[in-house]
Amino acid sequence: MRRQIQVANLSDSINNSSLAELFAPFGRVLQAVVATHHDSGRSTGTGLVDMAQHGDGNAAVAALNGRKVNGLELTVCWQMFAQEADAGVAVGPVAGDFGDRGGADSNGD
């Protein structure tokens, strides 16, 4: 089963191509997609990357997690599916578990 790599805290200037370029030094990128808001088309600050080789993905996660890109520190980890979380498999945060990105409601206002 091929698993995807989650990337969070992406700047608004990152698009699908630049996300793929960020991961390319670690191996062949099959797909890189930056999530966008349905209504506005603006980036949500998150993306998914699918790499051809699992070992290349491991290297990318190790190298890119915590790296600053365009002034923002990335969170990079393997995506955990619900059945893995239920089974207690420890592979990283569950999808969406990236903490607070700030914004109007980030301080409780």
N, C-alpha and C. Protein backbone atom coordinates (compact mmCIF):
# COMPACT_ATOMS: atom_id res chain seq x y z
N MET A 1 0.83 -1.18 0.00
CA MET A 1 0.00 0.00 0.00
C MET A 1 0.88 1.25 0.00
N ARG A 2 0.67 2.14 -0.93
CA ARG A 2 1.41 3.39 -1.00
C ARG A 2 0.74 4.40 -0.08
N ARG A 3 1.55 5.10 0.71
CA ARG A 3 1.03 6.10 1.63
C ARG A 3 1.54 7.46 1.24
N GLN A 4 0.76 8.47 1.57
CA GLN A 4 1.12 9.82 1.21
C GLN A 4 1.77 10.55 2.38
N ILE A 5 2.52 11.57 2.03
CA ILE A 5 3.18 12.42 3.00
C ILE A 5 2.36 13.69 3.13
N GLN A 6 2.05 14.05 4.37
CA GLN A 6 1.33 15.30 4.64
C GLN A 6 2.33 16.41 4.88
N VAL A 7 2.00 17.58 4.36
CA VAL A 7 2.84 18.76 4.56
C VAL A 7 1.93 19.87 5.05
N ALA A 8 2.31 20.52 6.15
CA ALA A 8 1.51 21.61 6.70
C ALA A 8 2.37 22.84 6.92
N ASN A 9 1.68 23.96 7.01
CA ASN A 9 2.28 25.28 7.23
C ASN A 9 2.97 25.79 5.96
N LEU A 10 2.38 25.45 4.82
CA LEU A 10 2.89 25.94 3.54
C LEU A 10 2.49 27.40 3.35
N SER A 11 3.38 28.18 2.79
CA SER A 11 3.05 29.58 2.50
C SER A 11 2.11 29.62 1.29
N ASP A 12 1.43 30.76 1.13
CA ASP A 12 0.49 30.92 0.03
C ASP A 12 1.16 30.85 -1.33
N SER A 13 2.47 31.09 -1.38
CA SER A 13 3.16 31.08 -2.67
C SER A 13 3.49 29.67 -3.17
N ILE A 14 3.31 28.66 -2.34
CA ILE A 14 3.59 27.28 -2.75
C ILE A 14 2.42 26.73 -3.55
N ASN A 15 2.70 26.21 -4.73
CA ASN A 15 1.68 25.56 -5.56
C ASN A 15 2.08 24.10 -5.79
N ASN A 16 1.31 23.39 -6.58
CA ASN A 16 1.60 21.97 -6.81
C ASN A 16 3.01 21.75 -7.36
N SER A 17 3.41 22.57 -8.31
CA SER A 17 4.74 22.41 -8.93
C SER A 17 5.86 22.67 -7.94
N SER A 18 5.74 23.76 -7.18
CA SER A 18 6.82 24.08 -6.24
C SER A 18 6.86 23.09 -5.09
N LEU A 19 5.71 22.50 -4.72
CA LEU A 19 5.71 21.45 -3.70
C LEU A 19 6.45 20.22 -4.23
N ALA A 20 6.19 19.85 -5.46
CA ALA A 20 6.89 18.71 -6.07
C ALA A 20 8.39 18.98 -6.15
N GLU A 21 8.78 20.21 -6.50
CA GLU A 21 10.20 20.57 -6.58
C GLU A 21 10.88 20.48 -5.22
N LEU A 22 10.15 20.78 -4.16
CA LEU A 22 10.70 20.71 -2.81
C LEU A 22 11.07 19.27 -2.44
N PHE A 23 10.27 18.30 -2.92
CA PHE A 23 10.49 16.89 -2.60
C PHE A 23 11.38 16.17 -3.62
N ALA A 24 11.54 16.72 -4.80
CA ALA A 24 12.26 16.06 -5.89
C ALA A 24 13.70 15.66 -5.56
N PRO A 25 14.44 16.43 -4.76
CA PRO A 25 15.82 16.01 -4.45
C PRO A 25 15.91 14.67 -3.71
N PHE A 26 14.79 14.21 -3.15
CA PHE A 26 14.79 12.98 -2.36
C PHE A 26 14.33 11.75 -3.15
N GLY A 27 13.83 11.96 -4.36
CA GLY A 27 13.37 10.84 -5.18
C GLY A 27 12.25 11.28 -6.11
N ARG A 28 11.75 10.30 -6.85
CA ARG A 28 10.71 10.59 -7.85
C ARG A 28 9.38 10.89 -7.17
N VAL A 29 8.83 12.06 -7.47
CA VAL A 29 7.54 12.48 -6.94
C VAL A 29 6.47 12.07 -7.95
N LEU A 30 5.53 11.23 -7.50
CA LEU A 30 4.44 10.81 -8.37
C LEU A 30 3.36 11.88 -8.46
N GLN A 31 3.09 12.53 -7.33
CA GLN A 31 2.06 13.56 -7.30
C GLN A 31 2.29 14.47 -6.10
N ALA A 32 2.05 15.74 -6.28
CA ALA A 32 2.10 16.72 -5.19
C ALA A 32 0.92 17.66 -5.37
N VAL A 33 0.10 17.76 -4.32
CA VAL A 33 -1.12 18.56 -4.42
C VAL A 33 -1.24 19.46 -3.20
N VAL A 34 -1.38 20.74 -3.45
CA VAL A 34 -1.65 21.71 -2.39
C VAL A 34 -3.17 21.83 -2.27
N ALA A 35 -3.68 21.66 -1.06
CA ALA A 35 -5.13 21.76 -0.83
C ALA A 35 -5.55 23.22 -0.92
N THR A 36 -6.72 23.45 -1.52
CA THR A 36 -7.25 24.80 -1.66
C THR A 36 -8.68 24.87 -1.13
N HIS A 37 -9.05 26.07 -0.71
CA HIS A 37 -10.43 26.30 -0.27
C HIS A 37 -11.34 26.25 -1.48
N HIS A 38 -12.47 25.58 -1.32
CA HIS A 38 -13.41 25.39 -2.42
C HIS A 38 -13.91 26.73 -2.97
N ASP A 39 -14.26 27.65 -2.09
CA ASP A 39 -14.86 28.91 -2.54
C ASP A 39 -13.84 29.88 -3.12
N SER A 40 -12.73 30.07 -2.42
CA SER A 40 -11.77 31.11 -2.83
C SER A 40 -10.67 30.60 -3.74
N GLY A 41 -10.38 29.30 -3.70
CA GLY A 41 -9.27 28.75 -4.47
C GLY A 41 -7.92 29.00 -3.83
N ARG A 42 -7.90 29.67 -2.66
CA ARG A 42 -6.64 29.94 -1.96
C ARG A 42 -6.16 28.71 -1.22
N SER A 43 -4.87 28.63 -1.03
CA SER A 43 -4.26 27.50 -0.34
C SER A 43 -4.75 27.41 1.10
N THR A 44 -4.91 26.18 1.57
CA THR A 44 -5.23 25.95 2.98
C THR A 44 -3.95 25.88 3.82
N GLY A 45 -2.81 25.88 3.14
CA GLY A 45 -1.53 25.76 3.84
C GLY A 45 -1.11 24.32 4.06
N THR A 46 -1.83 23.39 3.43
CA THR A 46 -1.50 21.97 3.57
C THR A 46 -1.39 21.33 2.19
N GLY A 47 -0.68 20.20 2.15
CA GLY A 47 -0.56 19.48 0.89
C GLY A 47 -0.26 18.02 1.13
N LEU A 48 -0.36 17.24 0.07
CA LEU A 48 -0.05 15.81 0.10
C LEU A 48 0.94 15.50 -1.01
N VAL A 49 1.90 14.65 -0.70
CA VAL A 49 2.92 14.25 -1.67
C VAL A 49 2.96 12.73 -1.71
N ASP A 50 3.00 12.19 -2.92
CA ASP A 50 3.11 10.75 -3.14
C ASP A 50 4.43 10.50 -3.86
N MET A 51 5.31 9.74 -3.21
CA MET A 51 6.62 9.45 -3.80
C MET A 51 6.68 8.00 -4.28
N ALA A 52 7.50 7.75 -5.28
CA ALA A 52 7.58 6.42 -5.88
C ALA A 52 8.14 5.37 -4.92
N GLN A 53 9.12 5.75 -4.12
CA GLN A 53 9.77 4.80 -3.21
C GLN A 53 9.58 5.22 -1.76
N HIS A 54 9.18 4.27 -0.92
CA HIS A 54 8.93 4.55 0.49
C HIS A 54 10.20 5.09 1.17
N GLY A 55 11.35 4.52 0.85
CA GLY A 55 12.60 4.98 1.45
C GLY A 55 12.91 6.43 1.10
N ASP A 56 12.57 6.85 -0.13
CA ASP A 56 12.76 8.24 -0.52
C ASP A 56 11.84 9.14 0.29
N GLY A 57 10.63 8.65 0.54
CA GLY A 57 9.69 9.40 1.36
C GLY A 57 10.19 9.57 2.78
N ASN A 58 10.76 8.51 3.33
CA ASN A 58 11.33 8.59 4.68
C ASN A 58 12.43 9.65 4.74
N ALA A 59 13.28 9.67 3.72
CA ALA A 59 14.36 10.66 3.68
C ALA A 59 13.80 12.07 3.58
N ALA A 60 12.76 12.25 2.78
CA ALA A 60 12.15 13.57 2.63
C ALA A 60 11.51 14.04 3.93
N VAL A 61 10.79 13.14 4.61
CA VAL A 61 10.16 13.49 5.88
C VAL A 61 11.23 13.91 6.89
N ALA A 62 12.29 13.13 6.98
CA ALA A 62 13.36 13.42 7.94
C ALA A 62 14.03 14.77 7.64
N ALA A 63 14.24 15.06 6.38
CA ALA A 63 14.96 16.27 6.00
C ALA A 63 14.08 17.53 6.02
N LEU A 64 12.81 17.38 5.68
CA LEU A 64 11.97 18.56 5.50
C LEU A 64 11.14 18.93 6.73
N ASN A 65 10.88 17.98 7.62
CA ASN A 65 10.10 18.31 8.81
C ASN A 65 10.88 19.32 9.66
N GLY A 66 10.27 20.46 9.90
CA GLY A 66 10.91 21.52 10.68
C GLY A 66 11.71 22.51 9.85
N ARG A 67 11.90 22.25 8.56
CA ARG A 67 12.66 23.17 7.71
C ARG A 67 11.81 24.41 7.41
N LYS A 68 12.45 25.56 7.42
CA LYS A 68 11.76 26.80 7.06
C LYS A 68 11.75 26.96 5.55
N VAL A 69 10.57 27.20 5.01
CA VAL A 69 10.39 27.46 3.59
C VAL A 69 9.54 28.72 3.47
N ASN A 70 10.06 29.72 2.82
CA ASN A 70 9.39 31.02 2.70
C ASN A 70 9.01 31.58 4.07
N GLY A 71 9.87 31.38 5.05
CA GLY A 71 9.68 31.94 6.37
C GLY A 71 8.79 31.14 7.31
N LEU A 72 8.25 30.03 6.85
CA LEU A 72 7.37 29.21 7.68
C LEU A 72 8.00 27.84 7.92
N GLU A 73 7.92 27.36 9.16
CA GLU A 73 8.47 26.06 9.50
C GLU A 73 7.47 24.96 9.13
N LEU A 74 7.89 24.08 8.24
CA LEU A 74 7.01 23.01 7.76
C LEU A 74 6.83 21.91 8.80
N THR A 75 5.65 21.31 8.77
CA THR A 75 5.39 20.07 9.48
C THR A 75 5.20 19.02 8.40
N VAL A 76 6.04 18.00 8.39
CA VAL A 76 6.01 16.97 7.34
C VAL A 76 5.97 15.61 8.02
N CYS A 77 4.98 14.79 7.68
CA CYS A 77 4.85 13.47 8.30
C CYS A 77 4.06 12.55 7.38
N TRP A 78 4.14 11.26 7.67
CA TRP A 78 3.36 10.28 6.92
C TRP A 78 1.90 10.39 7.32
N GLN A 79 1.02 10.28 6.35
CA GLN A 79 -0.41 10.32 6.61
C GLN A 79 -0.82 9.04 7.33
N MET A 80 -1.61 9.19 8.39
CA MET A 80 -2.13 8.03 9.11
C MET A 80 -3.61 7.88 8.76
N PHE A 81 -3.98 6.70 8.36
CA PHE A 81 -5.36 6.42 8.04
C PHE A 81 -6.09 5.97 9.29
N ALA A 82 -7.39 6.13 9.29
CA ALA A 82 -8.19 5.83 10.48
C ALA A 82 -7.96 4.42 11.00
N GLN A 83 -7.86 3.43 10.12
CA GLN A 83 -7.66 2.05 10.58
C GLN A 83 -6.32 1.88 11.28
N GLU A 84 -5.30 2.65 10.88
CA GLU A 84 -4.01 2.60 11.55
C GLU A 84 -4.10 3.23 12.93
N ALA A 85 -4.82 4.34 13.02
CA ALA A 85 -4.98 4.99 14.31
C ALA A 85 -5.74 4.08 15.27
N ASP A 86 -6.77 3.40 14.77
CA ASP A 86 -7.54 2.48 15.60
C ASP A 86 -6.70 1.30 16.06
N ALA A 87 -5.73 0.89 15.23
CA ALA A 87 -4.89 -0.26 15.57
C ALA A 87 -3.71 0.15 16.46
N GLY A 88 -3.55 1.44 16.70
CA GLY A 88 -2.46 1.91 17.54
C GLY A 88 -1.12 1.96 16.85
N VAL A 89 -1.11 2.00 15.52
CA VAL A 89 0.13 2.08 14.77
C VAL A 89 0.72 3.47 14.95
N ALA A 90 1.96 3.55 15.37
CA ALA A 90 2.61 4.84 15.62
C ALA A 90 3.41 5.26 14.40
N VAL A 91 2.81 6.04 13.52
CA VAL A 91 3.50 6.50 12.33
C VAL A 91 3.50 8.01 12.20
N GLY A 92 2.91 8.73 13.10
CA GLY A 92 2.87 10.19 13.03
C GLY A 92 1.50 10.71 13.37
N PRO A 93 1.30 12.01 13.26
CA PRO A 93 0.02 12.59 13.63
C PRO A 93 -1.09 12.15 12.70
N VAL A 94 -2.31 12.13 13.21
CA VAL A 94 -3.48 11.80 12.40
C VAL A 94 -3.75 12.98 11.49
N ALA A 95 -4.33 12.71 10.32
CA ALA A 95 -4.62 13.76 9.36
C ALA A 95 -5.29 14.95 10.03
N GLY A 96 -4.78 16.13 9.74
CA GLY A 96 -5.34 17.35 10.29
C GLY A 96 -4.72 17.76 11.62
N ASP A 97 -3.87 16.95 12.21
CA ASP A 97 -3.30 17.25 13.52
C ASP A 97 -2.03 18.07 13.35
N PHE A 98 -2.20 19.31 12.87
CA PHE A 98 -1.05 20.16 12.58
C PHE A 98 -0.98 21.38 13.48
N GLY A 99 -1.87 21.48 14.46
CA GLY A 99 -1.81 22.63 15.36
C GLY A 99 -2.43 23.87 14.75
N ASP A 100 -2.20 24.99 15.38
CA ASP A 100 -2.83 26.25 15.04
C ASP A 100 -2.03 26.99 13.99
N ARG A 101 -2.68 27.39 12.89
CA ARG A 101 -2.03 28.17 11.84
C ARG A 101 -2.26 29.66 12.03
N GLY A 102 -2.92 30.04 13.13
CA GLY A 102 -3.19 31.46 13.34
C GLY A 102 -4.50 31.85 12.70
N GLY A 103 -4.68 33.12 12.46
CA GLY A 103 -5.91 33.60 11.83
C GLY A 103 -6.81 34.27 12.83
N ALA A 104 -7.97 34.69 12.37
CA ALA A 104 -8.88 35.50 13.17
C ALA A 104 -9.33 34.81 14.45
N ASP A 105 -9.55 33.51 14.40
CA ASP A 105 -10.08 32.81 15.56
C ASP A 105 -9.01 32.10 16.37
N SER A 106 -7.74 32.29 16.08
CA SER A 106 -6.69 31.52 16.73
C SER A 106 -6.49 31.87 18.19
N ASN A 107 -6.88 33.07 18.59
CA ASN A 107 -6.70 33.45 19.98
C ASN A 107 -8.02 33.49 20.75
N GLY A 108 -9.02 32.85 20.18
CA GLY A 108 -10.31 32.74 20.85
C GLY A 108 -11.24 33.90 20.56
N ASP A 109 -10.85 34.82 19.72
CA ASP A 109 -11.72 35.96 19.38
C ASP A 109 -12.79 35.57 18.41
